[in-house]
Amino acid sequence: MKVIRELSEMIEEELDGAEEYARCALHYKEEFPDVARVLYDISMQEMNHVNMLHGEVVAVIEKHRKERGDPPAAMMAVYEYLHEKDIEKAAKIKLLQNQYKEM
């Protein structure tokens, strides 16, 4: 399903952004604390976007199940693979965000 692929790509982009902002927040925390705080906040917002987009993917899958039965197995296998990668990346980003809070 095209919509799941597109939403999954958007999730990847949001995760990449969240990671970049979190890394920059850590880098600038001591020298430019106000800049770092903004970057940290943006990283958190990006993760909120990830959660919102993931919710929409789940809703699309559930709608498909109600209207047409289970989605094709191949599509679900790809989604599950990407979802696992996203979970791992989100955990790494959370560690970066926690490092910022602990400094």
N, C-alpha and C. Protein backbone atom coordinates (compact mmCIF):
# COMPACT_ATOMS: atom_id res chain seq x y z
N MET A 1 0.84 -1.18 0.00
CA MET A 1 0.00 0.00 0.00
C MET A 1 0.89 1.25 0.00
N LYS A 2 0.62 2.09 -0.93
CA LYS A 2 1.44 3.29 -1.13
C LYS A 2 1.45 4.19 0.10
N VAL A 3 0.32 4.35 0.74
CA VAL A 3 0.24 5.27 1.88
C VAL A 3 1.15 4.80 3.03
N ILE A 4 1.24 3.50 3.24
CA ILE A 4 2.11 2.99 4.31
C ILE A 4 3.57 3.26 3.96
N ARG A 5 3.92 3.07 2.71
CA ARG A 5 5.30 3.34 2.28
C ARG A 5 5.63 4.81 2.48
N GLU A 6 4.73 5.68 2.07
CA GLU A 6 4.98 7.12 2.21
C GLU A 6 5.06 7.54 3.67
N LEU A 7 4.17 7.04 4.50
CA LEU A 7 4.22 7.36 5.93
C LEU A 7 5.49 6.82 6.58
N SER A 8 5.90 5.64 6.16
CA SER A 8 7.15 5.06 6.69
C SER A 8 8.35 5.91 6.31
N GLU A 9 8.37 6.43 5.10
CA GLU A 9 9.45 7.32 4.68
C GLU A 9 9.44 8.60 5.50
N MET A 10 8.26 9.13 5.78
CA MET A 10 8.15 10.33 6.60
C MET A 10 8.65 10.07 8.03
N ILE A 11 8.33 8.90 8.55
CA ILE A 11 8.81 8.52 9.88
C ILE A 11 10.33 8.51 9.89
N GLU A 12 10.94 7.93 8.87
CA GLU A 12 12.41 7.89 8.78
C GLU A 12 12.98 9.31 8.78
N GLU A 13 12.37 10.19 8.02
CA GLU A 13 12.85 11.57 7.95
C GLU A 13 12.74 12.26 9.31
N GLU A 14 11.65 12.04 9.99
CA GLU A 14 11.46 12.63 11.32
C GLU A 14 12.49 12.08 12.31
N LEU A 15 12.75 10.78 12.24
CA LEU A 15 13.75 10.19 13.12
C LEU A 15 15.14 10.76 12.83
N ASP A 16 15.47 10.90 11.56
CA ASP A 16 16.76 11.49 11.21
C ASP A 16 16.88 12.91 11.76
N GLY A 17 15.82 13.68 11.62
CA GLY A 17 15.82 15.04 12.14
C GLY A 17 15.95 15.07 13.65
N ALA A 18 15.20 14.22 14.32
CA ALA A 18 15.26 14.17 15.79
C ALA A 18 16.66 13.84 16.27
N GLU A 19 17.31 12.92 15.58
CA GLU A 19 18.67 12.54 15.96
C GLU A 19 19.64 13.71 15.73
N GLU A 20 19.53 14.35 14.59
CA GLU A 20 20.43 15.46 14.29
C GLU A 20 20.25 16.59 15.31
N TYR A 21 19.01 16.94 15.62
CA TYR A 21 18.76 18.01 16.59
C TYR A 21 19.27 17.63 17.98
N ALA A 22 19.08 16.39 18.38
CA ALA A 22 19.56 15.95 19.69
C ALA A 22 21.08 16.00 19.76
N ARG A 23 21.74 15.55 18.71
CA ARG A 23 23.22 15.60 18.69
C ARG A 23 23.72 17.05 18.75
N CYS A 24 23.08 17.92 18.00
CA CYS A 24 23.48 19.33 18.02
C CYS A 24 23.20 19.97 19.39
N ALA A 25 22.11 19.60 20.01
CA ALA A 25 21.80 20.12 21.35
C ALA A 25 22.90 19.73 22.32
N LEU A 26 23.35 18.49 22.25
CA LEU A 26 24.45 18.06 23.12
C LEU A 26 25.73 18.84 22.82
N HIS A 27 26.00 19.05 21.56
CA HIS A 27 27.21 19.74 21.14
C HIS A 27 27.25 21.19 21.65
N TYR A 28 26.11 21.86 21.60
CA TYR A 28 26.06 23.29 21.94
C TYR A 28 25.62 23.58 23.37
N LYS A 29 25.34 22.58 24.15
CA LYS A 29 24.75 22.80 25.47
C LYS A 29 25.59 23.73 26.36
N GLU A 30 26.87 23.54 26.41
CA GLU A 30 27.69 24.36 27.30
C GLU A 30 27.94 25.76 26.73
N GLU A 31 28.30 25.84 25.47
CA GLU A 31 28.67 27.13 24.89
C GLU A 31 27.46 28.01 24.56
N PHE A 32 26.39 27.38 24.08
CA PHE A 32 25.18 28.11 23.67
C PHE A 32 23.95 27.42 24.25
N PRO A 33 23.74 27.54 25.55
CA PRO A 33 22.64 26.78 26.18
C PRO A 33 21.25 27.12 25.65
N ASP A 34 21.02 28.36 25.26
CA ASP A 34 19.69 28.71 24.71
C ASP A 34 19.46 28.04 23.36
N VAL A 35 20.49 28.04 22.53
CA VAL A 35 20.40 27.35 21.23
C VAL A 35 20.19 25.86 21.46
N ALA A 36 20.95 25.31 22.39
CA ALA A 36 20.83 23.88 22.68
C ALA A 36 19.43 23.52 23.14
N ARG A 37 18.84 24.36 23.97
CA ARG A 37 17.48 24.08 24.47
C ARG A 37 16.47 24.06 23.32
N VAL A 38 16.61 24.99 22.39
CA VAL A 38 15.71 25.02 21.23
C VAL A 38 15.90 23.75 20.39
N LEU A 39 17.15 23.37 20.18
CA LEU A 39 17.42 22.16 19.40
C LEU A 39 16.86 20.92 20.09
N TYR A 40 17.01 20.85 21.40
CA TYR A 40 16.44 19.73 22.16
C TYR A 40 14.92 19.71 22.01
N ASP A 41 14.30 20.87 22.15
CA ASP A 41 12.83 20.94 22.02
C ASP A 41 12.38 20.49 20.64
N ILE A 42 13.11 20.90 19.61
CA ILE A 42 12.76 20.48 18.24
C ILE A 42 12.92 18.97 18.11
N SER A 43 13.97 18.42 18.70
CA SER A 43 14.15 16.96 18.66
C SER A 43 12.95 16.25 19.29
N MET A 44 12.50 16.78 20.40
CA MET A 44 11.33 16.18 21.06
C MET A 44 10.08 16.30 20.18
N GLN A 45 9.93 17.44 19.52
CA GLN A 45 8.79 17.62 18.62
C GLN A 45 8.84 16.64 17.46
N GLU A 46 10.04 16.42 16.93
CA GLU A 46 10.18 15.46 15.83
C GLU A 46 9.74 14.06 16.29
N MET A 47 10.09 13.70 17.52
CA MET A 47 9.66 12.40 18.03
C MET A 47 8.15 12.35 18.20
N ASN A 48 7.54 13.46 18.55
CA ASN A 48 6.08 13.51 18.61
C ASN A 48 5.49 13.29 17.22
N HIS A 49 6.12 13.88 16.21
CA HIS A 49 5.68 13.66 14.82
C HIS A 49 5.78 12.18 14.45
N VAL A 50 6.87 11.53 14.88
CA VAL A 50 7.02 10.10 14.63
C VAL A 50 5.85 9.33 15.21
N ASN A 51 5.49 9.64 16.44
CA ASN A 51 4.38 8.94 17.10
C ASN A 51 3.06 9.19 16.38
N MET A 52 2.86 10.42 15.93
CA MET A 52 1.63 10.74 15.21
C MET A 52 1.55 9.96 13.89
N LEU A 53 2.66 9.96 13.15
CA LEU A 53 2.69 9.24 11.87
C LEU A 53 2.52 7.74 12.07
N HIS A 54 3.16 7.20 13.10
CA HIS A 54 3.01 5.77 13.38
C HIS A 54 1.55 5.44 13.69
N GLY A 55 0.90 6.30 14.44
CA GLY A 55 -0.52 6.10 14.73
C GLY A 55 -1.36 6.03 13.47
N GLU A 56 -1.01 6.83 12.49
CA GLU A 56 -1.73 6.82 11.22
C GLU A 56 -1.46 5.53 10.44
N VAL A 57 -0.24 5.03 10.49
CA VAL A 57 0.06 3.76 9.83
C VAL A 57 -0.78 2.65 10.45
N VAL A 58 -0.81 2.61 11.76
CA VAL A 58 -1.60 1.59 12.45
C VAL A 58 -3.08 1.72 12.07
N ALA A 59 -3.57 2.95 11.99
CA ALA A 59 -4.98 3.17 11.62
C ALA A 59 -5.27 2.69 10.20
N VAL A 60 -4.34 2.93 9.28
CA VAL A 60 -4.51 2.48 7.89
C VAL A 60 -4.56 0.95 7.84
N ILE A 61 -3.66 0.32 8.57
CA ILE A 61 -3.64 -1.14 8.60
C ILE A 61 -4.94 -1.69 9.19
N GLU A 62 -5.40 -1.10 10.27
CA GLU A 62 -6.65 -1.56 10.89
C GLU A 62 -7.84 -1.34 9.96
N LYS A 63 -7.87 -0.21 9.28
CA LYS A 63 -8.96 0.05 8.33
C LYS A 63 -8.96 -1.00 7.23
N HIS A 64 -7.76 -1.33 6.73
CA HIS A 64 -7.65 -2.35 5.68
C HIS A 64 -8.18 -3.68 6.20
N ARG A 65 -7.82 -4.03 7.42
CA ARG A 65 -8.29 -5.30 8.00
C ARG A 65 -9.81 -5.35 8.11
N LYS A 66 -10.42 -4.26 8.51
CA LYS A 66 -11.87 -4.21 8.67
C LYS A 66 -12.59 -4.29 7.33
N GLU A 67 -12.01 -3.60 6.33
CA GLU A 67 -12.70 -3.51 5.04
C GLU A 67 -12.36 -4.64 4.07
N ARG A 68 -11.11 -5.15 4.14
CA ARG A 68 -10.67 -6.12 3.14
C ARG A 68 -9.92 -7.32 3.70
N GLY A 69 -9.83 -7.42 5.00
CA GLY A 69 -9.08 -8.51 5.60
C GLY A 69 -7.62 -8.14 5.79
N ASP A 70 -6.83 -9.10 6.15
CA ASP A 70 -5.42 -8.83 6.42
C ASP A 70 -4.71 -8.27 5.19
N PRO A 71 -3.82 -7.29 5.42
CA PRO A 71 -3.01 -6.78 4.30
C PRO A 71 -2.11 -7.88 3.76
N PRO A 72 -1.61 -7.72 2.54
CA PRO A 72 -0.72 -8.74 1.97
C PRO A 72 0.46 -9.03 2.90
N ALA A 73 0.83 -10.29 2.98
CA ALA A 73 1.91 -10.71 3.89
C ALA A 73 3.23 -10.02 3.55
N ALA A 74 3.52 -9.85 2.29
CA ALA A 74 4.78 -9.21 1.90
C ALA A 74 4.82 -7.76 2.38
N MET A 75 3.70 -7.07 2.26
CA MET A 75 3.65 -5.69 2.72
C MET A 75 3.85 -5.62 4.23
N MET A 76 3.21 -6.51 4.95
CA MET A 76 3.34 -6.51 6.41
C MET A 76 4.76 -6.87 6.83
N ALA A 77 5.40 -7.76 6.10
CA ALA A 77 6.78 -8.13 6.42
C ALA A 77 7.71 -6.92 6.27
N VAL A 78 7.52 -6.16 5.21
CA VAL A 78 8.33 -4.96 5.00
C VAL A 78 8.03 -3.94 6.09
N TYR A 79 6.76 -3.73 6.39
CA TYR A 79 6.38 -2.78 7.44
C TYR A 79 7.00 -3.19 8.78
N GLU A 80 6.90 -4.46 9.12
CA GLU A 80 7.44 -4.91 10.40
C GLU A 80 8.95 -4.75 10.47
N TYR A 81 9.64 -5.00 9.36
CA TYR A 81 11.08 -4.80 9.31
C TYR A 81 11.42 -3.32 9.55
N LEU A 82 10.74 -2.43 8.83
CA LEU A 82 10.99 -1.00 8.98
C LEU A 82 10.62 -0.53 10.39
N HIS A 83 9.54 -1.07 10.91
CA HIS A 83 9.09 -0.68 12.25
C HIS A 83 10.12 -1.06 13.29
N GLU A 84 10.71 -2.24 13.18
CA GLU A 84 11.76 -2.66 14.12
C GLU A 84 12.97 -1.75 14.04
N LYS A 85 13.37 -1.38 12.82
CA LYS A 85 14.48 -0.44 12.64
C LYS A 85 14.16 0.90 13.28
N ASP A 86 12.93 1.36 13.10
CA ASP A 86 12.51 2.63 13.68
C ASP A 86 12.52 2.58 15.20
N ILE A 87 12.10 1.47 15.77
CA ILE A 87 12.11 1.33 17.23
C ILE A 87 13.53 1.41 17.75
N GLU A 88 14.45 0.73 17.08
CA GLU A 88 15.86 0.77 17.50
C GLU A 88 16.43 2.18 17.41
N LYS A 89 16.14 2.86 16.31
CA LYS A 89 16.64 4.23 16.14
C LYS A 89 16.02 5.16 17.18
N ALA A 90 14.74 5.00 17.45
CA ALA A 90 14.07 5.84 18.45
C ALA A 90 14.69 5.64 19.83
N ALA A 91 15.08 4.43 20.14
CA ALA A 91 15.72 4.16 21.44
C ALA A 91 17.07 4.89 21.52
N LYS A 92 17.82 4.91 20.44
CA LYS A 92 19.11 5.62 20.43
C LYS A 92 18.89 7.13 20.58
N ILE A 93 17.86 7.64 19.94
CA ILE A 93 17.55 9.07 20.04
C ILE A 93 17.14 9.40 21.46
N LYS A 94 16.36 8.55 22.07
CA LYS A 94 15.94 8.76 23.46
C LYS A 94 17.16 8.84 24.38
N LEU A 95 18.17 8.01 24.13
CA LEU A 95 19.40 8.07 24.91
C LEU A 95 20.08 9.43 24.76
N LEU A 96 20.15 9.93 23.53
CA LEU A 96 20.74 11.24 23.30
C LEU A 96 19.95 12.33 24.03
N GLN A 97 18.63 12.26 23.95
CA GLN A 97 17.80 13.25 24.61
C GLN A 97 17.98 13.17 26.14
N ASN A 98 18.10 11.97 26.65
CA ASN A 98 18.33 11.81 28.09
C ASN A 98 19.70 12.35 28.50
N GLN A 99 20.70 12.15 27.64
CA GLN A 99 22.03 12.71 27.93
C GLN A 99 21.94 14.22 28.06
N TYR A 100 21.18 14.83 27.18
CA TYR A 100 21.02 16.30 27.23
C TYR A 100 20.42 16.71 28.58
N LYS A 101 19.38 16.02 29.01
CA LYS A 101 18.71 16.37 30.26
C LYS A 101 19.62 16.16 31.46
N GLU A 102 20.52 15.19 31.39
CA GLU A 102 21.38 14.86 32.53
C GLU A 102 22.60 15.77 32.64
N MET A 103 22.93 16.46 31.58
CA MET A 103 24.13 17.32 31.61
C MET A 103 23.90 18.57 32.43
